[in-house]
Amino acid sequence: MAKDPGFGKRIRAEVVSLKGQCNAGHKVGDQFEVNCYNTAGMCGFLYHAIFPALNVMQFEGSYPWGTDEAVLNCPDSYNLLTIKVQRVKG
C-alpha cells in the first residue's frame, strides 16, 4: 500500500441512514476519518463508492455546485446505506 504523504485536507465520513442491515456491520452514526491512503476500517465496497469524492475533497478540488460535502450510497441496494463525506474545517 502507498505511504500516506501527510498532506491534503482531513476528511470525515459519517453513516447518516441505513435501510436494512449492513453486511459489514456499519451503523447510523459511525464516523470514519478517511483519506486516499487509509480506509479507517470502512468496508471496501463503501470505500470504493466514496473514493472519487474523497480524492477531490482531500486534494482541495471542487465540484460545480461548490459544497464541501457529498452524500453518497453504498452499492448494496438491498441494504441501502447513505454516508455523508465532508472536509473537516480547521
PDB file of N, CA and C in Angstrom:
ATOM      1  N   MET A   1       0.841  -1.179   0.000  1.00  0.00           N
ATOM      2  CA  MET A   1       0.000   0.000   0.000  1.00  0.00           C
ATOM      3  C   MET A   1       0.884   1.239   0.000  1.00  0.00           C
ATOM      4  N   ALA A   2       0.443   2.277  -0.688  1.00  0.00           N
ATOM      5  CA  ALA A   2       1.195   3.524  -0.756  1.00  0.00           C
ATOM      6  C   ALA A   2       1.266   4.184   0.614  1.00  0.00           C
ATOM      7  N   LYS A   3       2.380   4.838   0.864  1.00  0.00           N
ATOM      8  CA  LYS A   3       2.563   5.546   2.129  1.00  0.00           C
ATOM      9  C   LYS A   3       1.820   6.876   2.076  1.00  0.00           C
ATOM     10  N   ASP A   4       1.127   7.205   3.150  1.00  0.00           N
ATOM     11  CA  ASP A   4       0.397   8.466   3.256  1.00  0.00           C
ATOM     12  C   ASP A   4       1.405   9.612   3.280  1.00  0.00           C
ATOM     13  N   PRO A   5       1.339  10.534   2.306  1.00  0.00           N
ATOM     14  CA  PRO A   5       2.295  11.639   2.280  1.00  0.00           C
ATOM     15  C   PRO A   5       2.033  12.693   3.353  1.00  0.00           C
ATOM     16  N   GLY A   6       0.882  12.613   4.014  1.00  0.00           N
ATOM     17  CA  GLY A   6       0.590  13.517   5.121  1.00  0.00           C
ATOM     18  C   GLY A   6       0.149  14.911   4.724  1.00  0.00           C
ATOM     19  N   PHE A   7      -0.346  15.096   3.513  1.00  0.00           N
ATOM     20  CA  PHE A   7      -0.861  16.403   3.146  1.00  0.00           C
ATOM     21  C   PHE A   7      -2.263  16.263   2.582  1.00  0.00           C
ATOM     22  N   GLY A   8      -2.908  17.389   2.407  1.00  0.00           N
ATOM     23  CA  GLY A   8      -4.293  17.389   1.943  1.00  0.00           C
ATOM     24  C   GLY A   8      -5.227  17.658   3.112  1.00  0.00           C
ATOM     25  N   LYS A   9      -6.455  17.895   2.794  1.00  0.00           N
ATOM     26  CA  LYS A   9      -7.473  18.179   3.807  1.00  0.00           C
ATOM     27  C   LYS A   9      -7.872  16.913   4.549  1.00  0.00           C
ATOM     28  N   ARG A  10      -8.270  17.094   5.815  1.00  0.00           N
ATOM     29  CA  ARG A  10      -8.829  15.976   6.578  1.00  0.00           C
ATOM     30  C   ARG A  10     -10.263  15.757   6.112  1.00  0.00           C
ATOM     31  N   ILE A  11     -10.655  14.492   6.009  1.00  0.00           N
ATOM     32  CA  ILE A  11     -11.986  14.132   5.529  1.00  0.00           C
ATOM     33  C   ILE A  11     -12.665  13.226   6.550  1.00  0.00           C
ATOM     34  N   ARG A  12     -13.912  13.544   6.871  1.00  0.00           N
ATOM     35  CA  ARG A  12     -14.702  12.714   7.772  1.00  0.00           C
ATOM     36  C   ARG A  12     -15.912  12.196   7.006  1.00  0.00           C
ATOM     37  N   ALA A  13     -16.199  10.927   7.199  1.00  0.00           N
ATOM     38  CA  ALA A  13     -17.373  10.298   6.595  1.00  0.00           C
ATOM     39  C   ALA A  13     -18.250   9.771   7.727  1.00  0.00           C
ATOM     40  N   GLU A  14     -19.552  10.017   7.633  1.00  0.00           N
ATOM     41  CA  GLU A  14     -20.486   9.572   8.673  1.00  0.00           C
ATOM     42  C   GLU A  14     -21.675   8.870   8.039  1.00  0.00           C
ATOM     43  N   VAL A  15     -22.010   7.706   8.578  1.00  0.00           N
ATOM     44  CA  VAL A  15     -23.197   6.976   8.126  1.00  0.00           C
ATOM     45  C   VAL A  15     -24.421   7.737   8.630  1.00  0.00           C
ATOM     46  N   VAL A  16     -25.256   8.205   7.699  1.00  0.00           N
ATOM     47  CA  VAL A  16     -26.415   9.008   8.087  1.00  0.00           C
ATOM     48  C   VAL A  16     -27.737   8.257   7.992  1.00  0.00           C
ATOM     49  N   SER A  17     -27.784   7.172   7.226  1.00  0.00           N
ATOM     50  CA  SER A  17     -29.002   6.354   7.217  1.00  0.00           C
ATOM     51  C   SER A  17     -28.668   4.947   6.736  1.00  0.00           C
ATOM     52  N   LEU A  18     -29.534   4.027   7.123  1.00  0.00           N
ATOM     53  CA  LEU A  18     -29.368   2.626   6.738  1.00  0.00           C
ATOM     54  C   LEU A  18     -30.746   1.992   6.662  1.00  0.00           C
ATOM     55  N   LYS A  19     -31.060   1.420   5.515  1.00  0.00           N
ATOM     56  CA  LYS A  19     -32.317   0.697   5.329  1.00  0.00           C
ATOM     57  C   LYS A  19     -31.959  -0.762   5.154  1.00  0.00           C
ATOM     58  N   GLY A  20     -32.192  -1.536   6.165  1.00  0.00           N
ATOM     59  CA  GLY A  20     -31.789  -2.935   6.162  1.00  0.00           C
ATOM     60  C   GLY A  20     -30.665  -3.135   7.160  1.00  0.00           C
ATOM     61  N   GLN A  21     -29.793  -4.092   6.870  1.00  0.00           N
ATOM     62  CA  GLN A  21     -28.680  -4.403   7.765  1.00  0.00           C
ATOM     63  C   GLN A  21     -27.396  -4.440   6.945  1.00  0.00           C
ATOM     64  N   CYS A  22     -26.430  -3.624   7.317  1.00  0.00           N
ATOM     65  CA  CYS A  22     -25.151  -3.584   6.617  1.00  0.00           C
ATOM     66  C   CYS A  22     -24.386  -4.876   6.888  1.00  0.00           C
ATOM     67  N   ASN A  23     -23.954  -5.552   5.836  1.00  0.00           N
ATOM     68  CA  ASN A  23     -23.219  -6.805   5.991  1.00  0.00           C
ATOM     69  C   ASN A  23     -21.843  -6.611   6.617  1.00  0.00           C
ATOM     70  N   ALA A  24     -21.316  -5.385   6.562  1.00  0.00           N
ATOM     71  CA  ALA A  24     -20.019  -5.086   7.172  1.00  0.00           C
ATOM     72  C   ALA A  24     -20.170  -4.617   8.620  1.00  0.00           C
ATOM     73  N   GLY A  25     -21.416  -4.460   9.068  1.00  0.00           N
ATOM     74  CA  GLY A  25     -21.663  -4.063  10.451  1.00  0.00           C
ATOM     75  C   GLY A  25     -21.687  -2.568  10.701  1.00  0.00           C
ATOM     76  N   HIS A  26     -21.638  -1.747   9.649  1.00  0.00           N
ATOM     77  CA  HIS A  26     -21.714  -0.300   9.851  1.00  0.00           C
ATOM     78  C   HIS A  26     -23.114   0.068  10.332  1.00  0.00           C
ATOM     79  N   LYS A  27     -23.168   1.091  11.182  1.00  0.00           N
ATOM     80  CA  LYS A  27     -24.435   1.547  11.762  1.00  0.00           C
ATOM     81  C   LYS A  27     -24.554   3.060  11.618  1.00  0.00           C
ATOM     82  N   VAL A  28     -25.783   3.569  11.686  1.00  0.00           N
ATOM     83  CA  VAL A  28     -26.010   5.008  11.653  1.00  0.00           C
ATOM     84  C   VAL A  28     -25.216   5.646  12.789  1.00  0.00           C
ATOM     85  N   GLY A  29     -24.518   6.712  12.462  1.00  0.00           N
ATOM     86  CA  GLY A  29     -23.691   7.417  13.438  1.00  0.00           C
ATOM     87  C   GLY A  29     -22.221   7.036  13.384  1.00  0.00           C
ATOM     88  N   ASP A  30     -21.893   5.916  12.743  1.00  0.00           N
ATOM     89  CA  ASP A  30     -20.477   5.541  12.603  1.00  0.00           C
ATOM     90  C   ASP A  30     -19.742   6.641  11.848  1.00  0.00           C
ATOM     91  N   GLN A  31     -18.555   6.997  12.346  1.00  0.00           N
ATOM     92  CA  GLN A  31     -17.732   8.009  11.692  1.00  0.00           C
ATOM     93  C   GLN A  31     -16.365   7.432  11.369  1.00  0.00           C
ATOM     94  N   PHE A  32     -15.822   7.879  10.253  1.00  0.00           N
ATOM     95  CA  PHE A  32     -14.515   7.429   9.794  1.00  0.00           C
ATOM     96  C   PHE A  32     -13.722   8.650   9.359  1.00  0.00           C
ATOM     97  N   GLU A  33     -12.496   8.776   9.830  1.00  0.00           N
ATOM     98  CA  GLU A  33     -11.621   9.817   9.300  1.00  0.00           C
ATOM     99  C   GLU A  33     -10.759   9.131   8.247  1.00  0.00           C
ATOM    100  N   VAL A  34     -11.156   9.295   7.008  1.00  0.00           N
ATOM    101  CA  VAL A  34     -10.545   8.574   5.892  1.00  0.00           C
ATOM    102  C   VAL A  34      -9.688   9.505   5.047  1.00  0.00           C
ATOM    103  N   ASN A  35      -8.831   8.904   4.242  1.00  0.00           N
ATOM    104  CA  ASN A  35      -8.136   9.644   3.196  1.00  0.00           C
ATOM    105  C   ASN A  35      -7.832   8.672   2.066  1.00  0.00           C
ATOM    106  N   CYS A  36      -7.155   9.141   1.065  1.00  0.00           N
ATOM    107  CA  CYS A  36      -6.890   8.298  -0.108  1.00  0.00           C
ATOM    108  C   CYS A  36      -5.915   7.170   0.171  1.00  0.00           C
ATOM    109  N   TYR A  37      -5.354   7.125   1.381  1.00  0.00           N
ATOM    110  CA  TYR A  37      -4.385   6.098   1.745  1.00  0.00           C
ATOM    111  C   TYR A  37      -4.839   5.254   2.931  1.00  0.00           C
ATOM    112  N   ASN A  38      -5.997   5.575   3.513  1.00  0.00           N
ATOM    113  CA  ASN A  38      -6.430   4.912   4.740  1.00  0.00           C
ATOM    114  C   ASN A  38      -7.948   4.759   4.741  1.00  0.00           C
ATOM    115  N   THR A  39      -8.409   3.519   4.791  1.00  0.00           N
ATOM    116  CA  THR A  39      -9.855   3.258   4.805  1.00  0.00           C
ATOM    117  C   THR A  39     -10.469   3.438   6.186  1.00  0.00           C
ATOM    118  N   ALA A  40      -9.648   3.504   7.222  1.00  0.00           N
ATOM    119  CA  ALA A  40     -10.100   3.712   8.608  1.00  0.00           C
ATOM    120  C   ALA A  40     -11.123   2.673   9.061  1.00  0.00           C
ATOM    121  N   GLY A  41     -11.037   1.458   8.526  1.00  0.00           N
ATOM    122  CA  GLY A  41     -11.952   0.398   8.931  1.00  0.00           C
ATOM    123  C   GLY A  41     -13.247   0.341   8.142  1.00  0.00           C
ATOM    124  N   MET A  42     -13.372   1.193   7.155  1.00  0.00           N
ATOM    125  CA  MET A  42     -14.571   1.204   6.322  1.00  0.00           C
ATOM    126  C   MET A  42     -14.544   0.003   5.367  1.00  0.00           C
ATOM    127  N   CYS A  43     -15.697  -0.572   5.144  1.00  0.00           N
ATOM    128  CA  CYS A  43     -15.860  -1.668   4.186  1.00  0.00           C
ATOM    129  C   CYS A  43     -15.283  -1.269   2.823  1.00  0.00           C
ATOM    130  N   GLY A  44     -14.624  -2.185   2.165  1.00  0.00           N
ATOM    131  CA  GLY A  44     -14.011  -1.911   0.871  1.00  0.00           C
ATOM    132  C   GLY A  44     -14.991  -1.482  -0.201  1.00  0.00           C
ATOM    133  N   PHE A  45     -16.196  -2.053  -0.196  1.00  0.00           N
ATOM    134  CA  PHE A  45     -17.194  -1.681  -1.197  1.00  0.00           C
ATOM    135  C   PHE A  45     -17.646  -0.235  -1.005  1.00  0.00           C
ATOM    136  N   LEU A  46     -17.874   0.153   0.254  1.00  0.00           N
ATOM    137  CA  LEU A  46     -18.281   1.525   0.551  1.00  0.00           C
ATOM    138  C   LEU A  46     -17.142   2.493   0.244  1.00  0.00           C
ATOM    139  N   TYR A  47     -15.922   2.129   0.640  1.00  0.00           N
ATOM    140  CA  TYR A  47     -14.754   2.979   0.370  1.00  0.00           C
ATOM    141  C   TYR A  47     -14.603   3.196  -1.140  1.00  0.00           C
ATOM    142  N   HIS A  48     -14.781   2.144  -1.905  1.00  0.00           N
ATOM    143  CA  HIS A  48     -14.690   2.256  -3.361  1.00  0.00           C
ATOM    144  C   HIS A  48     -15.748   3.216  -3.901  1.00  0.00           C
ATOM    145  N   ALA A  49     -16.943   3.195  -3.320  1.00  0.00           N
ATOM    146  CA  ALA A  49     -18.030   4.067  -3.773  1.00  0.00           C
ATOM    147  C   ALA A  49     -17.751   5.539  -3.468  1.00  0.00           C
ATOM    148  N   ILE A  50     -17.078   5.828  -2.349  1.00  0.00           N
ATOM    149  CA  ILE A  50     -16.828   7.230  -1.985  1.00  0.00           C
ATOM    150  C   ILE A  50     -15.496   7.750  -2.512  1.00  0.00           C
ATOM    151  N   PHE A  51     -14.631   6.867  -3.020  1.00  0.00           N
ATOM    152  CA  PHE A  51     -13.268   7.268  -3.372  1.00  0.00           C
ATOM    153  C   PHE A  51     -13.183   8.452  -4.336  1.00  0.00           C
ATOM    154  N   PRO A  52     -13.980   8.514  -5.410  1.00  0.00           N
ATOM    155  CA  PRO A  52     -13.863   9.682  -6.299  1.00  0.00           C
ATOM    156  C   PRO A  52     -14.108  11.010  -5.567  1.00  0.00           C
ATOM    157  N   ALA A  53     -15.137  11.070  -4.731  1.00  0.00           N
ATOM    158  CA  ALA A  53     -15.410  12.293  -3.969  1.00  0.00           C
ATOM    159  C   ALA A  53     -14.316  12.540  -2.938  1.00  0.00           C
ATOM    160  N   LEU A  54     -13.862  11.492  -2.298  1.00  0.00           N
ATOM    161  CA  LEU A  54     -12.788  11.598  -1.311  1.00  0.00           C
ATOM    162  C   LEU A  54     -11.536  12.200  -1.943  1.00  0.00           C
ATOM    163  N   ASN A  55     -11.177  11.731  -3.111  1.00  0.00           N
ATOM    164  CA  ASN A  55      -9.992  12.216  -3.812  1.00  0.00           C
ATOM    165  C   ASN A  55     -10.110  13.710  -4.128  1.00  0.00           C
ATOM    166  N   VAL A  56     -11.255  14.130  -4.636  1.00  0.00           N
ATOM    167  CA  VAL A  56     -11.481  15.544  -4.946  1.00  0.00           C
ATOM    168  C   VAL A  56     -11.392  16.381  -3.676  1.00  0.00           C
ATOM    169  N   MET A  57     -12.075  15.963  -2.635  1.00  0.00           N
ATOM    170  CA  MET A  57     -12.127  16.752  -1.403  1.00  0.00           C
ATOM    171  C   MET A  57     -10.784  16.814  -0.684  1.00  0.00           C
ATOM    172  N   GLN A  58     -10.092  15.696  -0.611  1.00  0.00           N
ATOM    173  CA  GLN A  58      -8.824  15.671   0.119  1.00  0.00           C
ATOM    174  C   GLN A  58      -7.797  16.609  -0.513  1.00  0.00           C
ATOM    175  N   PHE A  59      -7.772  16.657  -1.830  1.00  0.00           N
ATOM    176  CA  PHE A  59      -6.743  17.440  -2.505  1.00  0.00           C
ATOM    177  C   PHE A  59      -7.259  18.774  -3.025  1.00  0.00           C
ATOM    178  N   GLU A  60      -8.248  19.328  -2.303  1.00  0.00           N
ATOM    179  CA  GLU A  60      -8.746  20.688  -2.470  1.00  0.00           C
ATOM    180  C   GLU A  60      -9.375  20.970  -3.827  1.00  0.00           C
ATOM    181  N   GLY A  61      -9.895  19.922  -4.459  1.00  0.00           N
ATOM    182  CA  GLY A  61     -10.664  20.124  -5.676  1.00  0.00           C
ATOM    183  C   GLY A  61     -12.057  20.616  -5.311  1.00  0.00           C
ATOM    184  N   SER A  62     -12.859  20.874  -6.309  1.00  0.00           N
ATOM    185  CA  SER A  62     -14.222  21.326  -6.028  1.00  0.00           C
ATOM    186  C   SER A  62     -15.161  20.822  -7.116  1.00  0.00           C
ATOM    187  N   TYR A  63     -16.424  20.835  -6.773  1.00  0.00           N
ATOM    188  CA  TYR A  63     -17.482  20.485  -7.711  1.00  0.00           C
ATOM    189  C   TYR A  63     -18.169  21.764  -8.158  1.00  0.00           C
ATOM    190  N   PRO A  64     -18.828  21.756  -9.315  1.00  0.00           N
ATOM    191  CA  PRO A  64     -19.510  22.962  -9.778  1.00  0.00           C
ATOM    192  C   PRO A  64     -20.544  23.488  -8.778  1.00  0.00           C
ATOM    193  N   TRP A  65     -21.148  22.612  -7.981  1.00  0.00           N
ATOM    194  CA  TRP A  65     -22.158  23.062  -7.019  1.00  0.00           C
ATOM    195  C   TRP A  65     -21.513  23.611  -5.753  1.00  0.00           C
ATOM    196  N   GLY A  66     -20.187  23.512  -5.632  1.00  0.00           N
ATOM    197  CA  GLY A  66     -19.422  24.256  -4.647  1.00  0.00           C
ATOM    198  C   GLY A  66     -19.561  23.915  -3.184  1.00  0.00           C
ATOM    199  N   THR A  67     -19.974  22.729  -2.829  1.00  0.00           N
ATOM    200  CA  THR A  67     -20.073  22.398  -1.410  1.00  0.00           C
ATOM    201  C   THR A  67     -18.852  21.602  -0.965  1.00  0.00           C
ATOM    202  N   ASP A  68     -18.633  21.575   0.333  1.00  0.00           N
ATOM    203  CA  ASP A  68     -17.533  20.809   0.918  1.00  0.00           C
ATOM    204  C   ASP A  68     -18.005  19.457   1.431  1.00  0.00           C
ATOM    205  N   GLU A  69     -19.111  18.967   0.894  1.00  0.00           N
ATOM    206  CA  GLU A  69     -19.598  17.654   1.306  1.00  0.00           C
ATOM    207  C   GLU A  69     -20.298  16.963   0.146  1.00  0.00           C
ATOM    208  N   ALA A  70     -20.399  15.658   0.280  1.00  0.00           N
ATOM    209  CA  ALA A  70     -21.123  14.845  -0.697  1.00  0.00           C
ATOM    210  C   ALA A  70     -21.902  13.789   0.075  1.00  0.00           C
ATOM    211  N   VAL A  71     -23.093  13.489  -0.371  1.00  0.00           N
ATOM    212  CA  VAL A  71     -23.909  12.433   0.221  1.00  0.00           C
ATOM    213  C   VAL A  71     -23.978  11.314  -0.818  1.00  0.00           C
ATOM    214  N   LEU A  72     -23.499  10.139  -0.408  1.00  0.00           N
ATOM    215  CA  LEU A  72     -23.326   9.025  -1.338  1.00  0.00           C
ATOM    216  C   LEU A  72     -23.935   7.754  -0.764  1.00  0.00           C
ATOM    217  N   ASN A  73     -24.107   6.750  -1.611  1.00  0.00           N
ATOM    218  CA  ASN A  73     -24.710   5.485  -1.182  1.00  0.00           C
ATOM    219  C   ASN A  73     -23.764   4.312  -1.394  1.00  0.00           C
ATOM    220  N   CYS A  74     -23.923   3.331  -0.540  1.00  0.00           N
ATOM    221  CA  CYS A  74     -23.241   2.055  -0.689  1.00  0.00           C
ATOM    222  C   CYS A  74     -23.800   1.363  -1.934  1.00  0.00           C
ATOM    223  N   PRO A  75     -22.993   0.571  -2.629  1.00  0.00           N
ATOM    224  CA  PRO A  75     -23.519  -0.128  -3.802  1.00  0.00           C
ATOM    225  C   PRO A  75     -24.499  -1.263  -3.490  1.00  0.00           C
ATOM    226  N   ASP A  76     -24.650  -1.653  -2.220  1.00  0.00           N
ATOM    227  CA  ASP A  76     -25.603  -2.704  -1.840  1.00  0.00           C
ATOM    228  C   ASP A  76     -27.008  -2.109  -1.808  1.00  0.00           C
ATOM    229  N   SER A  77     -27.747  -2.265  -2.888  1.00  0.00           N
ATOM    230  CA  SER A  77     -29.069  -1.639  -2.987  1.00  0.00           C
ATOM    231  C   SER A  77     -30.137  -2.336  -2.149  1.00  0.00           C
ATOM    232  N   TYR A  78     -29.854  -3.530  -1.642  1.00  0.00           N
ATOM    233  CA  TYR A  78     -30.820  -4.228  -0.790  1.00  0.00           C
ATOM    234  C   TYR A  78     -30.732  -3.759   0.658  1.00  0.00           C
ATOM    235  N   ASN A  79     -29.580  -3.288   1.061  1.00  0.00           N
ATOM    236  CA  ASN A  79     -29.347  -2.775   2.414  1.00  0.00           C
ATOM    237  C   ASN A  79     -28.730  -1.391   2.263  1.00  0.00           C
ATOM    238  N   LEU A  80     -29.538  -0.456   1.821  1.00  0.00           N
ATOM    239  CA  LEU A  80     -29.046   0.850   1.393  1.00  0.00           C
ATOM    240  C   LEU A  80     -28.485   1.668   2.552  1.00  0.00           C
ATOM    241  N   LEU A  81     -27.198   1.930   2.473  1.00  0.00           N
ATOM    242  CA  LEU A  81     -26.504   2.751   3.460  1.00  0.00           C
ATOM    243  C   LEU A  81     -26.150   4.069   2.786  1.00  0.00           C
ATOM    244  N   THR A  82     -26.439   5.176   3.467  1.00  0.00           N
ATOM    245  CA  THR A  82     -26.108   6.506   2.960  1.00  0.00           C
ATOM    246  C   THR A  82     -25.058   7.114   3.866  1.00  0.00           C
ATOM    247  N   ILE A  83     -24.041   7.706   3.256  1.00  0.00           N
ATOM    248  CA  ILE A  83     -22.924   8.263   4.003  1.00  0.00           C
ATOM    249  C   ILE A  83     -22.665   9.693   3.542  1.00  0.00           C
ATOM    250  N   LYS A  84     -22.359  10.559   4.507  1.00  0.00           N
ATOM    251  CA  LYS A  84     -22.008  11.942   4.197  1.00  0.00           C
ATOM    252  C   LYS A  84     -20.501  12.074   4.334  1.00  0.00           C
ATOM    253  N   VAL A  85     -19.863  12.570   3.289  1.00  0.00           N
ATOM    254  CA  VAL A  85     -18.416  12.758   3.257  1.00  0.00           C
ATOM    255  C   VAL A  85     -18.170  14.261   3.233  1.00  0.00           C
ATOM    256  N   GLN A  86     -17.341  14.751   4.167  1.00  0.00           N
ATOM    257  CA  GLN A  86     -17.115  16.195   4.216  1.00  0.00           C
ATOM    258  C   GLN A  86     -15.703  16.539   4.653  1.00  0.00           C
ATOM    259  N   ARG A  87     -15.252  17.709   4.206  1.00  0.00           N
ATOM    260  CA  ARG A  87     -13.970  18.234   4.657  1.00  0.00           C
ATOM    261  C   ARG A  87     -14.108  18.658   6.109  1.00  0.00           C
ATOM    262  N   VAL A  88     -13.074  18.400   6.884  1.00  0.00           N
ATOM    263  CA  VAL A  88     -13.054  18.831   8.281  1.00  0.00           C
ATOM    264  C   VAL A  88     -12.527  20.255   8.304  1.00  0.00           C
ATOM    265  N   LYS A  89     -13.292  21.143   8.874  1.00  0.00           N
ATOM    266  CA  LYS A  89     -12.883  22.551   8.952  1.00  0.00           C
ATOM    267  C   LYS A  89     -11.791  22.714  10.004  1.00  0.00           C
ATOM    268  N   GLY A  90     -10.858  23.600   9.699  1.00  0.00           N
ATOM    269  CA  GLY A  90      -9.807  23.926  10.680  1.00  0.00           C
ATOM    270  C   GLY A  90      -8.542  23.208  10.534  1.00  0.00           C
TER     271      GLY A  90
END
